[in-house]
Amino acid sequence: MKKYDFKKWKQVKFQKVDMSKLDDRTLLLNVYLTQALTLLLGAVLLWIQGRTVWGVLALPSGWTPWLWGAALAVVVLAADGVLSRFVPEDVTDDGGINDMLFRTRPVWHIVLLSFVVAVCEEVLFRGAVQHWMGPYWTSILFAVVHVRYLKHWLMTGIVFSISYGLGYVAVRTGTLWTPIAAHFIIDLVMGLIIRYRRAE
């Protein structure tokens, strides 16, 4: 049996990514690869639970679930608008990732990115993880995964609150499409704000 030299692992060093050195292609590849892995992990967890991605993505009947999702998105966006007036910009800084991702992106691509992220993350967190852990612990995990916000307690609290809201509407309506709709609208509007604010 081959022996591994674990001393080599001590030489591995993690460095903060310099956003000025990160090109657009690498960033997009990273986003899509991360989302694919998120969806795959969600599918595996659902399979372990005896459920499927297609099962949790069954379309709901009626407009109520979609209205719940839109209402949550409006509340989150309104709260963000209020916070942005009173909270210094450095507190909400994510290291420039959102700015780089959306500032020059065509609108169709912002729509696509928002949809992909909403579906993949909600399948994992609200579809699979929340089934085991409930909305509270799922929201803690969701906040931790959004590591770029962890340096600011306020942003970590906001991400946790949004996640808890997404978990609540999923339970309330009984469909994953409610948090997907809310997540999509929030990301889309924020992306468009960054896109057109920078364009001005």
C-alpha atoms as a PDB file:
ATOM      1  CA  MET A   1       0.000   0.000   0.000  1.00  0.00           C
ATOM      2  CA  LYS A   2       1.328   3.423  -0.960  1.00  0.00           C
ATOM      3  CA  LYS A   3       2.147   5.778   1.903  1.00  0.00           C
ATOM      4  CA  TYR A   4       1.241   9.442   1.655  1.00  0.00           C
ATOM      5  CA  ASP A   5       3.434  12.236   2.918  1.00  0.00           C
ATOM      6  CA  PHE A   6       1.065  14.370   4.970  1.00  0.00           C
ATOM      7  CA  LYS A   7       3.840  16.876   5.676  1.00  0.00           C
ATOM      8  CA  LYS A   8       3.250  18.273   2.193  1.00  0.00           C
ATOM      9  CA  TRP A   9      -0.204  19.436   3.309  1.00  0.00           C
ATOM     10  CA  LYS A  10       1.462  21.849   5.737  1.00  0.00           C
ATOM     11  CA  GLN A  11       2.817  23.706   2.726  1.00  0.00           C
ATOM     12  CA  VAL A  12      -0.679  24.454   1.423  1.00  0.00           C
ATOM     13  CA  LYS A  13      -1.625  28.055   2.180  1.00  0.00           C
ATOM     14  CA  PHE A  14      -4.971  29.690   1.658  1.00  0.00           C
ATOM     15  CA  GLN A  15      -4.943  33.261   0.481  1.00  0.00           C
ATOM     16  CA  LYS A  16      -7.626  35.882   0.108  1.00  0.00           C
ATOM     17  CA  VAL A  17      -8.644  36.247  -3.519  1.00  0.00           C
ATOM     18  CA  ASP A  18      -7.618  39.569  -5.056  1.00  0.00           C
ATOM     19  CA  MET A  19     -10.706  40.635  -7.007  1.00  0.00           C
ATOM     20  CA  SER A  20      -8.641  42.852  -9.313  1.00  0.00           C
ATOM     21  CA  LYS A  21      -6.768  39.754 -10.535  1.00  0.00           C
ATOM     22  CA  LEU A  22      -9.886  37.635 -11.053  1.00  0.00           C
ATOM     23  CA  ASP A  23     -11.128  37.712 -14.645  1.00  0.00           C
ATOM     24  CA  ASP A  24     -14.781  37.505 -15.628  1.00  0.00           C
ATOM     25  CA  ARG A  25     -14.516  34.059 -17.226  1.00  0.00           C
ATOM     26  CA  THR A  26     -12.988  32.535 -14.079  1.00  0.00           C
ATOM     27  CA  LEU A  27     -15.634  34.150 -11.873  1.00  0.00           C
ATOM     28  CA  LEU A  28     -18.493  32.846 -14.032  1.00  0.00           C
ATOM     29  CA  LEU A  29     -16.944  29.381 -14.208  1.00  0.00           C
ATOM     30  CA  ASN A  30     -16.639  29.412 -10.423  1.00  0.00           C
ATOM     31  CA  VAL A  31     -20.288  30.484  -9.976  1.00  0.00           C
ATOM     32  CA  TYR A  32     -21.709  27.857 -12.351  1.00  0.00           C
ATOM     33  CA  LEU A  33     -19.453  25.082 -11.021  1.00  0.00           C
ATOM     34  CA  THR A  34     -20.381  25.948  -7.430  1.00  0.00           C
ATOM     35  CA  GLN A  35     -24.078  25.879  -8.295  1.00  0.00           C
ATOM     36  CA  ALA A  36     -23.735  22.545 -10.117  1.00  0.00           C
ATOM     37  CA  LEU A  37     -22.047  21.063  -7.040  1.00  0.00           C
ATOM     38  CA  THR A  38     -24.756  22.567  -4.820  1.00  0.00           C
ATOM     39  CA  LEU A  39     -27.476  20.955  -6.945  1.00  0.00           C
ATOM     40  CA  LEU A  40     -25.611  17.631  -7.000  1.00  0.00           C
ATOM     41  CA  LEU A  41     -25.222  17.664  -3.202  1.00  0.00           C
ATOM     42  CA  GLY A  42     -28.916  18.507  -2.861  1.00  0.00           C
ATOM     43  CA  ALA A  43     -29.825  15.615  -5.190  1.00  0.00           C
ATOM     44  CA  VAL A  44     -27.662  13.176  -3.193  1.00  0.00           C
ATOM     45  CA  LEU A  45     -29.193  14.281   0.133  1.00  0.00           C
ATOM     46  CA  LEU A  46     -32.687  13.998  -1.321  1.00  0.00           C
ATOM     47  CA  TRP A  47     -31.849  10.500  -2.607  1.00  0.00           C
ATOM     48  CA  ILE A  48     -30.641   9.505   0.884  1.00  0.00           C
ATOM     49  CA  GLN A  49     -33.991  10.773   2.222  1.00  0.00           C
ATOM     50  CA  GLY A  50     -35.863   8.687  -0.352  1.00  0.00           C
ATOM     51  CA  ARG A  51     -36.928  11.768  -2.302  1.00  0.00           C
ATOM     52  CA  THR A  52     -36.005  13.225  -5.692  1.00  0.00           C
ATOM     53  CA  VAL A  53     -35.183  16.617  -7.180  1.00  0.00           C
ATOM     54  CA  TRP A  54     -38.145  16.247  -9.551  1.00  0.00           C
ATOM     55  CA  GLY A  55     -40.392  15.452  -6.618  1.00  0.00           C
ATOM     56  CA  VAL A  56     -39.486  18.591  -4.664  1.00  0.00           C
ATOM     57  CA  LEU A  57     -39.670  20.676  -7.856  1.00  0.00           C
ATOM     58  CA  ALA A  58     -43.244  19.640  -8.673  1.00  0.00           C
ATOM     59  CA  LEU A  59     -45.122  22.779  -9.714  1.00  0.00           C
ATOM     60  CA  PRO A  60     -47.766  23.993  -7.264  1.00  0.00           C
ATOM     61  CA  SER A  61     -51.360  24.644  -8.186  1.00  0.00           C
ATOM     62  CA  GLY A  62     -52.815  28.115  -7.890  1.00  0.00           C
ATOM     63  CA  TRP A  63     -51.205  31.516  -7.379  1.00  0.00           C
ATOM     64  CA  THR A  64     -50.872  31.528  -3.599  1.00  0.00           C
ATOM     65  CA  PRO A  65     -47.330  30.065  -3.403  1.00  0.00           C
ATOM     66  CA  TRP A  66     -46.070  32.537  -6.009  1.00  0.00           C
ATOM     67  CA  LEU A  67     -47.684  35.455  -4.167  1.00  0.00           C
ATOM     68  CA  TRP A  68     -46.043  34.380  -0.894  1.00  0.00           C
ATOM     69  CA  GLY A  69     -42.671  34.293  -2.669  1.00  0.00           C
ATOM     70  CA  ALA A  70     -43.192  37.716  -4.243  1.00  0.00           C
ATOM     71  CA  ALA A  71     -44.354  39.185  -0.914  1.00  0.00           C
ATOM     72  CA  LEU A  72     -41.260  37.903   0.892  1.00  0.00           C
ATOM     73  CA  ALA A  73     -39.039  39.319  -1.862  1.00  0.00           C
ATOM     74  CA  VAL A  74     -40.722  42.745  -1.559  1.00  0.00           C
ATOM     75  CA  VAL A  75     -40.205  42.750   2.227  1.00  0.00           C
ATOM     76  CA  VAL A  76     -36.519  41.803   1.864  1.00  0.00           C
ATOM     77  CA  LEU A  77     -35.890  44.386  -0.863  1.00  0.00           C
ATOM     78  CA  ALA A  78     -37.678  47.111   1.129  1.00  0.00           C
ATOM     79  CA  ALA A  79     -35.623  46.272   4.227  1.00  0.00           C
ATOM     80  CA  ASP A  80     -32.457  46.373   2.119  1.00  0.00           C
ATOM     81  CA  GLY A  81     -33.452  49.793   0.777  1.00  0.00           C
ATOM     82  CA  VAL A  82     -33.929  51.133   4.306  1.00  0.00           C
ATOM     83  CA  LEU A  83     -30.662  49.592   5.532  1.00  0.00           C
ATOM     84  CA  SER A  84     -28.673  51.005   2.620  1.00  0.00           C
ATOM     85  CA  ARG A  85     -29.689  54.524   3.702  1.00  0.00           C
ATOM     86  CA  PHE A  86     -28.525  54.137   7.289  1.00  0.00           C
ATOM     87  CA  VAL A  87     -25.720  51.564   7.213  1.00  0.00           C
ATOM     88  CA  PRO A  88     -22.243  52.495   5.947  1.00  0.00           C
ATOM     89  CA  GLU A  89     -21.305  50.847   2.648  1.00  0.00           C
ATOM     90  CA  ASP A  90     -18.283  49.063   4.140  1.00  0.00           C
ATOM     91  CA  VAL A  91     -20.601  47.103   6.480  1.00  0.00           C
ATOM     92  CA  THR A  92     -22.465  45.575   3.518  1.00  0.00           C
ATOM     93  CA  ASP A  93     -19.283  45.020   1.484  1.00  0.00           C
ATOM     94  CA  ASP A  94     -18.924  41.493   0.088  1.00  0.00           C
ATOM     95  CA  GLY A  95     -15.414  42.042  -1.238  1.00  0.00           C
ATOM     96  CA  GLY A  96     -16.619  43.225  -4.639  1.00  0.00           C
ATOM     97  CA  ILE A  97     -17.935  39.855  -5.820  1.00  0.00           C
ATOM     98  CA  ASN A  98     -21.500  40.989  -6.551  1.00  0.00           C
ATOM     99  CA  ASP A  99     -20.229  44.150  -8.219  1.00  0.00           C
ATOM    100  CA  MET A 100     -17.911  42.195 -10.494  1.00  0.00           C
ATOM    101  CA  LEU A 101     -20.569  39.599 -11.214  1.00  0.00           C
ATOM    102  CA  PHE A 102     -23.349  41.999 -12.215  1.00  0.00           C
ATOM    103  CA  ARG A 103     -21.950  45.414 -13.149  1.00  0.00           C
ATOM    104  CA  THR A 104     -21.423  44.718 -16.879  1.00  0.00           C
ATOM    105  CA  ARG A 105     -23.541  41.599 -17.275  1.00  0.00           C
ATOM    106  CA  PRO A 106     -26.315  41.652 -19.921  1.00  0.00           C
ATOM    107  CA  VAL A 107     -29.822  41.583 -18.449  1.00  0.00           C
ATOM    108  CA  TRP A 108     -30.598  38.127 -19.883  1.00  0.00           C
ATOM    109  CA  HIS A 109     -27.521  36.749 -18.128  1.00  0.00           C
ATOM    110  CA  ILE A 110     -28.489  38.366 -14.807  1.00  0.00           C
ATOM    111  CA  VAL A 111     -31.898  36.667 -15.166  1.00  0.00           C
ATOM    112  CA  LEU A 112     -30.210  33.317 -15.915  1.00  0.00           C
ATOM    113  CA  LEU A 113     -27.741  33.622 -13.033  1.00  0.00           C
ATOM    114  CA  SER A 114     -30.498  34.578 -10.596  1.00  0.00           C
ATOM    115  CA  PHE A 115     -32.633  31.619 -11.668  1.00  0.00           C
ATOM    116  CA  VAL A 116     -29.787  29.086 -11.536  1.00  0.00           C
ATOM    117  CA  VAL A 117     -28.666  30.244  -8.082  1.00  0.00           C
ATOM    118  CA  ALA A 118     -32.245  30.292  -6.744  1.00  0.00           C
ATOM    119  CA  VAL A 119     -33.046  26.765  -7.950  1.00  0.00           C
ATOM    120  CA  CYS A 120     -29.739  25.144  -6.958  1.00  0.00           C
ATOM    121  CA  GLU A 121     -29.489  26.715  -3.500  1.00  0.00           C
ATOM    122  CA  GLU A 122     -33.150  26.148  -2.641  1.00  0.00           C
ATOM    123  CA  VAL A 123     -33.033  22.487  -3.707  1.00  0.00           C
ATOM    124  CA  LEU A 124     -30.118  21.971  -1.317  1.00  0.00           C
ATOM    125  CA  PHE A 125     -31.114  24.163   1.619  1.00  0.00           C
ATOM    126  CA  ARG A 126     -34.912  24.270   1.697  1.00  0.00           C
ATOM    127  CA  GLY A 127     -35.455  21.032  -0.245  1.00  0.00           C
ATOM    128  CA  ALA A 128     -32.944  18.699   1.399  1.00  0.00           C
ATOM    129  CA  VAL A 129     -31.260  20.228   4.462  1.00  0.00           C
ATOM    130  CA  GLN A 130     -34.377  21.826   5.973  1.00  0.00           C
ATOM    131  CA  HIS A 131     -36.159  18.470   5.745  1.00  0.00           C
ATOM    132  CA  TRP A 132     -33.636  17.163   8.312  1.00  0.00           C
ATOM    133  CA  MET A 133     -32.661  20.209  10.330  1.00  0.00           C
ATOM    134  CA  GLY A 134     -35.641  22.569  10.219  1.00  0.00           C
ATOM    135  CA  PRO A 135     -35.570  26.272   9.221  1.00  0.00           C
ATOM    136  CA  TYR A 136     -33.455  27.527  12.150  1.00  0.00           C
ATOM    137  CA  TRP A 137     -30.392  25.297  11.778  1.00  0.00           C
ATOM    138  CA  THR A 138     -30.672  25.386   8.005  1.00  0.00           C
ATOM    139  CA  SER A 139     -30.490  29.186   8.191  1.00  0.00           C
ATOM    140  CA  ILE A 140     -27.373  29.054  10.356  1.00  0.00           C
ATOM    141  CA  LEU A 141     -25.734  26.766   7.787  1.00  0.00           C
ATOM    142  CA  PHE A 142     -26.935  29.018   4.945  1.00  0.00           C
ATOM    143  CA  ALA A 143     -25.359  32.065   6.635  1.00  0.00           C
ATOM    144  CA  VAL A 144     -22.067  30.219   7.179  1.00  0.00           C
ATOM    145  CA  VAL A 145     -21.946  29.100   3.537  1.00  0.00           C
ATOM    146  CA  HIS A 146     -22.234  32.751   2.457  1.00  0.00           C
ATOM    147  CA  VAL A 147     -18.749  33.201   3.886  1.00  0.00           C
ATOM    148  CA  ARG A 148     -18.077  36.543   2.207  1.00  0.00           C
ATOM    149  CA  TYR A 149     -20.528  38.184   4.633  1.00  0.00           C
ATOM    150  CA  LEU A 150     -19.210  36.579   7.831  1.00  0.00           C
ATOM    151  CA  LYS A 151     -16.812  39.438   8.588  1.00  0.00           C
ATOM    152  CA  HIS A 152     -19.808  41.701   9.328  1.00  0.00           C
ATOM    153  CA  TRP A 153     -22.256  40.537  11.992  1.00  0.00           C
ATOM    154  CA  LEU A 154     -25.051  42.656  10.509  1.00  0.00           C
ATOM    155  CA  MET A 155     -24.804  41.027   7.071  1.00  0.00           C
ATOM    156  CA  THR A 156     -24.571  37.574   8.656  1.00  0.00           C
ATOM    157  CA  GLY A 157     -27.758  38.359  10.586  1.00  0.00           C
ATOM    158  CA  ILE A 158     -29.488  39.576   7.440  1.00  0.00           C
ATOM    159  CA  VAL A 159     -28.519  36.456   5.474  1.00  0.00           C
ATOM    160  CA  PHE A 160     -29.768  34.306   8.382  1.00  0.00           C
ATOM    161  CA  SER A 161     -33.067  36.249   8.500  1.00  0.00           C
ATOM    162  CA  ILE A 162     -33.621  35.974   4.757  1.00  0.00           C
ATOM    163  CA  SER A 163     -32.892  32.253   4.917  1.00  0.00           C
ATOM    164  CA  TYR A 164     -35.314  31.803   7.803  1.00  0.00           C
ATOM    165  CA  GLY A 165     -37.956  33.686   5.828  1.00  0.00           C
ATOM    166  CA  LEU A 166     -37.349  31.404   2.841  1.00  0.00           C
ATOM    167  CA  GLY A 167     -37.693  28.394   5.127  1.00  0.00           C
ATOM    168  CA  TYR A 168     -40.897  29.763   6.636  1.00  0.00           C
ATOM    169  CA  VAL A 169     -42.620  30.314   3.279  1.00  0.00           C
ATOM    170  CA  ALA A 170     -41.534  26.846   2.136  1.00  0.00           C
ATOM    171  CA  VAL A 171     -43.238  25.310   5.179  1.00  0.00           C
ATOM    172  CA  ARG A 172     -46.249  27.633   4.928  1.00  0.00           C
ATOM    173  CA  THR A 173     -46.993  26.879   1.263  1.00  0.00           C
ATOM    174  CA  GLY A 174     -45.684  23.309   1.100  1.00  0.00           C
ATOM    175  CA  THR A 175     -43.779  23.917  -2.127  1.00  0.00           C
ATOM    176  CA  LEU A 176     -40.160  24.653  -2.945  1.00  0.00           C
ATOM    177  CA  TRP A 177     -41.210  27.064  -5.682  1.00  0.00           C
ATOM    178  CA  THR A 178     -42.191  29.704  -3.111  1.00  0.00           C
ATOM    179  CA  PRO A 179     -38.628  30.198  -1.765  1.00  0.00           C
ATOM    180  CA  ILE A 180     -37.250  29.755  -5.287  1.00  0.00           C
ATOM    181  CA  ALA A 181     -39.482  32.603  -6.519  1.00  0.00           C
ATOM    182  CA  ALA A 182     -38.480  34.842  -3.592  1.00  0.00           C
ATOM    183  CA  HIS A 183     -34.770  34.023  -3.966  1.00  0.00           C
ATOM    184  CA  PHE A 184     -34.947  34.652  -7.722  1.00  0.00           C
ATOM    185  CA  ILE A 185     -36.689  38.026  -7.383  1.00  0.00           C
ATOM    186  CA  ILE A 186     -34.276  39.210  -4.662  1.00  0.00           C
ATOM    187  CA  ASP A 187     -31.155  38.233  -6.630  1.00  0.00           C
ATOM    188  CA  LEU A 188     -32.560  39.586  -9.897  1.00  0.00           C
ATOM    189  CA  VAL A 189     -33.516  42.992  -8.492  1.00  0.00           C
ATOM    190  CA  MET A 190     -30.202  43.336  -6.607  1.00  0.00           C
ATOM    191  CA  GLY A 191     -28.290  42.332  -9.725  1.00  0.00           C
ATOM    192  CA  LEU A 192     -30.167  44.858 -11.863  1.00  0.00           C
ATOM    193  CA  ILE A 193     -29.591  47.587  -9.277  1.00  0.00           C
ATOM    194  CA  ILE A 194     -25.844  46.912  -9.364  1.00  0.00           C
ATOM    195  CA  ARG A 195     -25.890  46.735 -13.175  1.00  0.00           C
ATOM    196  CA  TYR A 196     -27.692  50.039 -13.723  1.00  0.00           C
ATOM    197  CA  ARG A 197     -26.161  51.906 -10.801  1.00  0.00           C
ATOM    198  CA  ARG A 198     -22.705  51.156 -12.187  1.00  0.00           C
ATOM    199  CA  ALA A 199     -23.827  52.024 -15.697  1.00  0.00           C
ATOM    200  CA  GLU A 200     -24.801  55.507 -14.509  1.00  0.00           C
END
